[in-house]
Each structure stands twice: as structure tokens, then as C-alpha cells.
Amino acid sequence: MGVLPQPGGWVVVGGVPPAKRGGVPPPAEGWGRVGAARRRRNGAAPGNGPHPSGCVSARRSRNGAAPGNAQNRRERGSASLEFLGVLPILLLIALAGIQLGLVAYTASQAGTAARTAARMAAKHDPPVSGEAAGLDAVSDWLRPGTQIQITTVGGDAVKATATIKIPSVIPGVDVFDPVSRSATMPKEDTTP
């Protein structure tokens, strides 16, 4: 389809004449399918104004300003600045979440160490001491801050207490007290 300019007016070569499209003739090369859809999105469809090369751009920014407008240029970097303002808060929330996860993990490791130490100390002839078994049950990176104490309760039970220092996400800032967990196990019966 195309419209060709003639001395007496426009001649339509296939398609709808310009009068049916709002009276605005398309350019000599025709609107084209892809170009027409783009121009319709931008507000320059037939009937809305002359050919896009001669009309004011219909594209607008989010605030309604035309491209190149002073208001549009002033707001160009606002999203970056807003992100930079919120970034420290997001990092603080992330670090707090990681720290709380470390507290929970350390408490779990202390409970595991106490149970393992009490179980080993309650045996009649243990292959290793209760303290060594409790330390082996703790993750390698938590071992330096781990203490295990084993005491006898009455004459027939053993109590193990594991205390582990909670690591900090921010080095040098120790906010939390060490975690302590205890476990009591009955001594192994050795009567035949």
C-alpha cells in the first residue's frame, strides 16, 4: 500500500484513502506496518497529526515532561540517589538477619556438643573423653570459642555443659553473650 503525491492531490495505491484515515496523508513511502504501530503508540497515528518527522514528539517521561525538558534532566539521576539512600538500611537489615542466623546456629551447635559430651562421658569405658567428643561435634570455625564441662550428678548420671562464643558478623563488635546448653545422661549400667 502506498500513497503517491500527484499535482491534483493524493493518489492511493491500495488500501484506504487518506480521507477515511482522518484526512492526513501518510508520507510517500507509506506508514509501513512496524512504523505505524510505533507511531500509534507514540501518539502520531494518522489523524493525530502530520508525519512524525514534522510533528512534536509524543513521547513523555513519567512525570509528563517532554524529552529534553529541564525538569526531565533534573530527575534523570533521582532513582540512583534514592537507591543510595536506601542501600545502608538494606545492608543493615541483611547483616541483622545473618547475625540472628549465627546465634541460632551457635545455640544448635552448643546443644549438640553438650549431648555428645554427656553421652560419651556416661559410657563405662569411653574411647575418648567427653570433652574431646563434645569438641569434635562442633564445627571447626566455632571450636576456638568452645568450652565443655562435665560433672557427675548424684552417682548415676553425668551432666555436660557446652559454652560457645557467638561469632559476630562485624569484626570487633561482640553484642551477644556466649551460648550455654546442658545435657544430662544416665551412666551406663555395668552390672552383668
Protein backbone atom coordinates (compact mmCIF):
# COMPACT_ATOMS: atom_id res chain seq x y z
CA MET A 1 0.00 0.00 0.00
CA GLY A 2 1.23 3.45 -0.69
CA VAL A 3 0.11 6.98 -1.39
CA LEU A 4 1.79 8.93 -4.12
CA PRO A 5 1.63 12.71 -4.37
CA GLN A 6 0.18 13.96 -7.65
CA PRO A 7 -0.28 17.51 -8.90
CA GLY A 8 -4.03 17.29 -8.34
CA GLY A 9 -3.85 15.64 -4.90
CA TRP A 10 -3.01 12.27 -3.43
CA VAL A 11 -3.43 9.01 -5.25
CA VAL A 12 -3.98 5.90 -3.13
CA VAL A 13 -2.22 2.81 -4.35
CA GLY A 14 -4.08 0.03 -2.49
CA GLY A 15 -5.60 0.44 0.94
CA VAL A 16 -7.80 3.13 2.46
CA PRO A 17 -7.76 6.67 1.02
CA PRO A 18 -6.43 9.47 3.26
CA ALA A 19 -9.91 10.95 3.74
CA LYS A 20 -11.02 7.76 5.54
CA ARG A 21 -8.00 7.96 7.86
CA GLY A 22 -8.78 11.40 9.18
CA GLY A 23 -7.63 13.43 6.19
CA VAL A 24 -3.91 13.31 6.98
CA PRO A 25 -1.89 11.83 4.16
CA PRO A 26 0.97 9.50 5.05
CA PRO A 27 4.44 10.09 3.62
CA ALA A 28 5.20 8.99 0.10
CA GLU A 29 6.91 5.81 1.35
CA GLY A 30 3.83 4.82 3.39
CA TRP A 31 3.43 4.23 7.08
CA GLY A 32 4.58 0.61 7.00
CA ARG A 33 3.35 -1.99 9.50
CA VAL A 34 6.08 -1.72 12.14
CA GLY A 35 6.48 2.03 11.84
CA ALA A 36 2.73 2.62 12.03
CA ALA A 37 2.40 0.63 15.26
CA ARG A 38 5.27 2.52 16.81
CA ARG A 39 3.85 5.86 15.73
CA ARG A 40 0.41 4.91 17.09
CA ARG A 41 1.99 4.10 20.46
CA ASN A 42 3.73 7.46 20.47
CA GLY A 43 0.56 9.31 19.54
CA ALA A 44 1.43 10.06 15.92
CA ALA A 45 -1.05 7.75 14.23
CA PRO A 46 -2.93 9.01 11.16
CA GLY A 47 -5.45 11.57 12.27
CA ASN A 48 -3.39 12.69 15.27
CA GLY A 49 -1.06 14.98 13.44
CA PRO A 50 1.23 15.22 10.46
CA HIS A 51 4.05 12.85 9.62
CA PRO A 52 6.25 12.12 12.69
CA SER A 53 9.24 13.90 11.20
CA GLY A 54 7.31 17.16 11.24
CA CYS A 55 5.36 16.76 14.47
CA VAL A 56 6.23 17.33 18.10
CA SER A 57 7.32 14.09 19.74
CA ALA A 58 4.51 12.47 21.68
CA ARG A 59 6.86 10.57 23.98
CA ARG A 60 6.79 11.77 27.54
CA SER A 61 8.68 10.89 30.70
CA ARG A 62 6.94 9.51 33.79
CA ASN A 63 6.27 12.99 35.12
CA GLY A 64 4.72 14.15 31.84
CA ALA A 65 7.66 16.28 30.71
CA ALA A 66 8.74 16.16 27.09
CA PRO A 67 12.20 14.76 26.30
CA GLY A 68 14.93 17.36 26.69
CA ASN A 69 12.84 19.34 29.13
CA ALA A 70 14.74 20.86 32.08
CA GLN A 71 12.51 19.02 34.58
CA ASN A 72 13.28 15.70 32.90
CA ARG A 73 17.04 16.40 33.02
CA ARG A 74 16.85 17.24 36.74
CA GLU A 75 15.13 13.95 37.57
CA ARG A 76 17.41 11.77 35.49
CA GLY A 77 19.61 10.60 38.40
CA SER A 78 16.93 10.57 41.09
CA ALA A 79 16.48 6.79 41.04
CA SER A 80 20.19 6.27 41.68
CA LEU A 81 20.18 8.71 44.57
CA GLU A 82 17.09 7.10 46.08
CA PHE A 83 18.75 3.69 45.85
CA LEU A 84 21.90 5.01 47.53
CA GLY A 85 19.76 6.41 50.34
CA VAL A 86 18.03 3.08 50.95
CA LEU A 87 21.13 0.89 50.49
CA PRO A 88 22.56 1.33 54.03
CA ILE A 89 19.21 0.37 55.55
CA LEU A 90 19.01 -2.74 53.35
CA LEU A 91 22.57 -3.73 54.30
CA LEU A 92 21.80 -3.25 57.99
CA ILE A 93 18.73 -5.48 57.73
CA ALA A 94 20.73 -8.14 55.87
CA LEU A 95 23.53 -8.08 58.48
CA ALA A 96 20.99 -8.35 61.32
CA GLY A 97 19.42 -11.38 59.63
CA ILE A 98 22.80 -13.05 59.18
CA GLN A 99 23.71 -12.32 62.82
CA LEU A 100 20.48 -13.85 64.10
CA GLY A 101 21.14 -16.90 61.95
CA LEU A 102 24.60 -17.22 63.53
CA VAL A 103 23.08 -17.01 67.01
CA ALA A 104 20.64 -19.82 66.22
CA TYR A 105 23.34 -21.96 64.60
CA THR A 106 25.70 -21.48 67.56
CA ALA A 107 22.94 -22.45 70.01
CA SER A 108 22.27 -25.59 67.98
CA GLN A 109 25.98 -26.47 67.97
CA ALA A 110 26.18 -25.97 71.75
CA GLY A 111 23.26 -28.36 72.26
CA THR A 112 24.87 -30.96 70.00
CA ALA A 113 28.22 -30.64 71.79
CA ALA A 114 26.60 -31.00 75.23
CA ARG A 115 24.64 -34.13 74.24
CA THR A 116 27.67 -35.75 72.62
CA ALA A 117 29.93 -34.98 75.59
CA ALA A 118 27.36 -36.30 78.10
CA ARG A 119 26.76 -39.45 76.05
CA MET A 120 30.49 -40.20 75.82
CA ALA A 121 31.14 -39.41 79.50
CA ALA A 122 28.26 -41.70 80.55
CA LYS A 123 29.89 -44.76 78.94
CA HIS A 124 31.69 -47.27 81.17
CA ASP A 125 34.87 -47.40 79.10
CA PRO A 126 34.76 -44.47 76.60
CA PRO A 127 37.22 -44.48 73.67
CA VAL A 128 37.75 -40.70 74.09
CA SER A 129 36.96 -38.26 76.87
CA GLY A 130 33.62 -36.46 76.94
CA GLU A 131 35.31 -33.09 76.40
CA ALA A 132 37.09 -34.33 73.26
CA ALA A 133 33.87 -35.86 71.88
CA GLY A 134 31.98 -32.63 72.54
CA LEU A 135 34.64 -30.54 70.78
CA ASP A 136 34.59 -32.94 67.80
CA ALA A 137 30.81 -32.40 67.48
CA VAL A 138 31.26 -28.62 66.98
CA SER A 139 32.03 -27.02 63.61
CA ASP A 140 35.71 -26.25 63.07
CA TRP A 141 35.24 -22.47 62.95
CA LEU A 142 33.38 -22.47 66.31
CA ARG A 143 35.88 -24.66 68.20
CA PRO A 144 38.24 -21.90 69.38
CA GLY A 145 35.48 -20.31 71.48
CA THR A 146 34.08 -23.59 72.89
CA GLN A 147 34.33 -24.81 76.49
CA ILE A 148 32.90 -28.09 77.78
CA GLN A 149 32.49 -29.00 81.47
CA ILE A 150 31.44 -32.44 82.67
CA THR A 151 30.11 -33.03 86.17
CA THR A 152 28.61 -36.05 87.92
CA VAL A 153 25.04 -35.65 89.11
CA GLY A 154 24.34 -37.93 92.08
CA GLY A 155 26.05 -41.21 91.48
CA ASP A 156 24.20 -42.40 88.41
CA ALA A 157 24.16 -39.51 85.87
CA VAL A 158 26.55 -37.24 84.02
CA LYS A 159 25.86 -33.61 83.11
CA ALA A 160 27.76 -31.87 80.30
CA THR A 161 27.61 -28.13 79.72
CA ALA A 162 28.85 -26.66 76.45
CA THR A 163 29.52 -22.92 76.19
CA ILE A 164 30.28 -21.43 72.79
CA LYS A 165 31.17 -17.81 72.00
CA ILE A 166 28.85 -16.36 69.33
CA PRO A 167 30.82 -15.01 66.36
CA SER A 168 29.97 -11.51 65.13
CA VAL A 169 29.24 -10.51 61.55
CA ILE A 170 31.03 -7.21 62.14
CA PRO A 171 34.56 -7.95 63.39
CA GLY A 172 35.36 -6.48 66.80
CA VAL A 173 31.71 -5.96 67.79
CA ASP A 174 30.64 -8.55 70.39
CA VAL A 175 27.00 -7.87 71.20
CA PHE A 176 25.86 -11.28 72.37
CA ASP A 177 26.87 -13.31 75.43
CA PRO A 178 28.15 -16.86 74.86
CA VAL A 179 25.52 -19.59 74.43
CA SER A 180 25.35 -22.37 77.03
CA ARG A 181 23.50 -25.65 76.66
CA SER A 182 23.43 -28.61 79.08
CA ALA A 183 22.60 -32.26 78.68
CA THR A 184 22.27 -34.99 81.31
CA MET A 185 22.69 -38.69 80.55
CA PRO A 186 22.41 -41.68 82.89
CA LYS A 187 25.62 -43.60 83.43
CA GLU A 188 25.96 -46.87 81.57
CA ASP A 189 24.88 -49.87 83.64
CA THR A 190 27.81 -52.24 84.07
CA THR A 191 26.12 -54.94 86.16
CA PRO A 192 26.06 -58.32 84.46
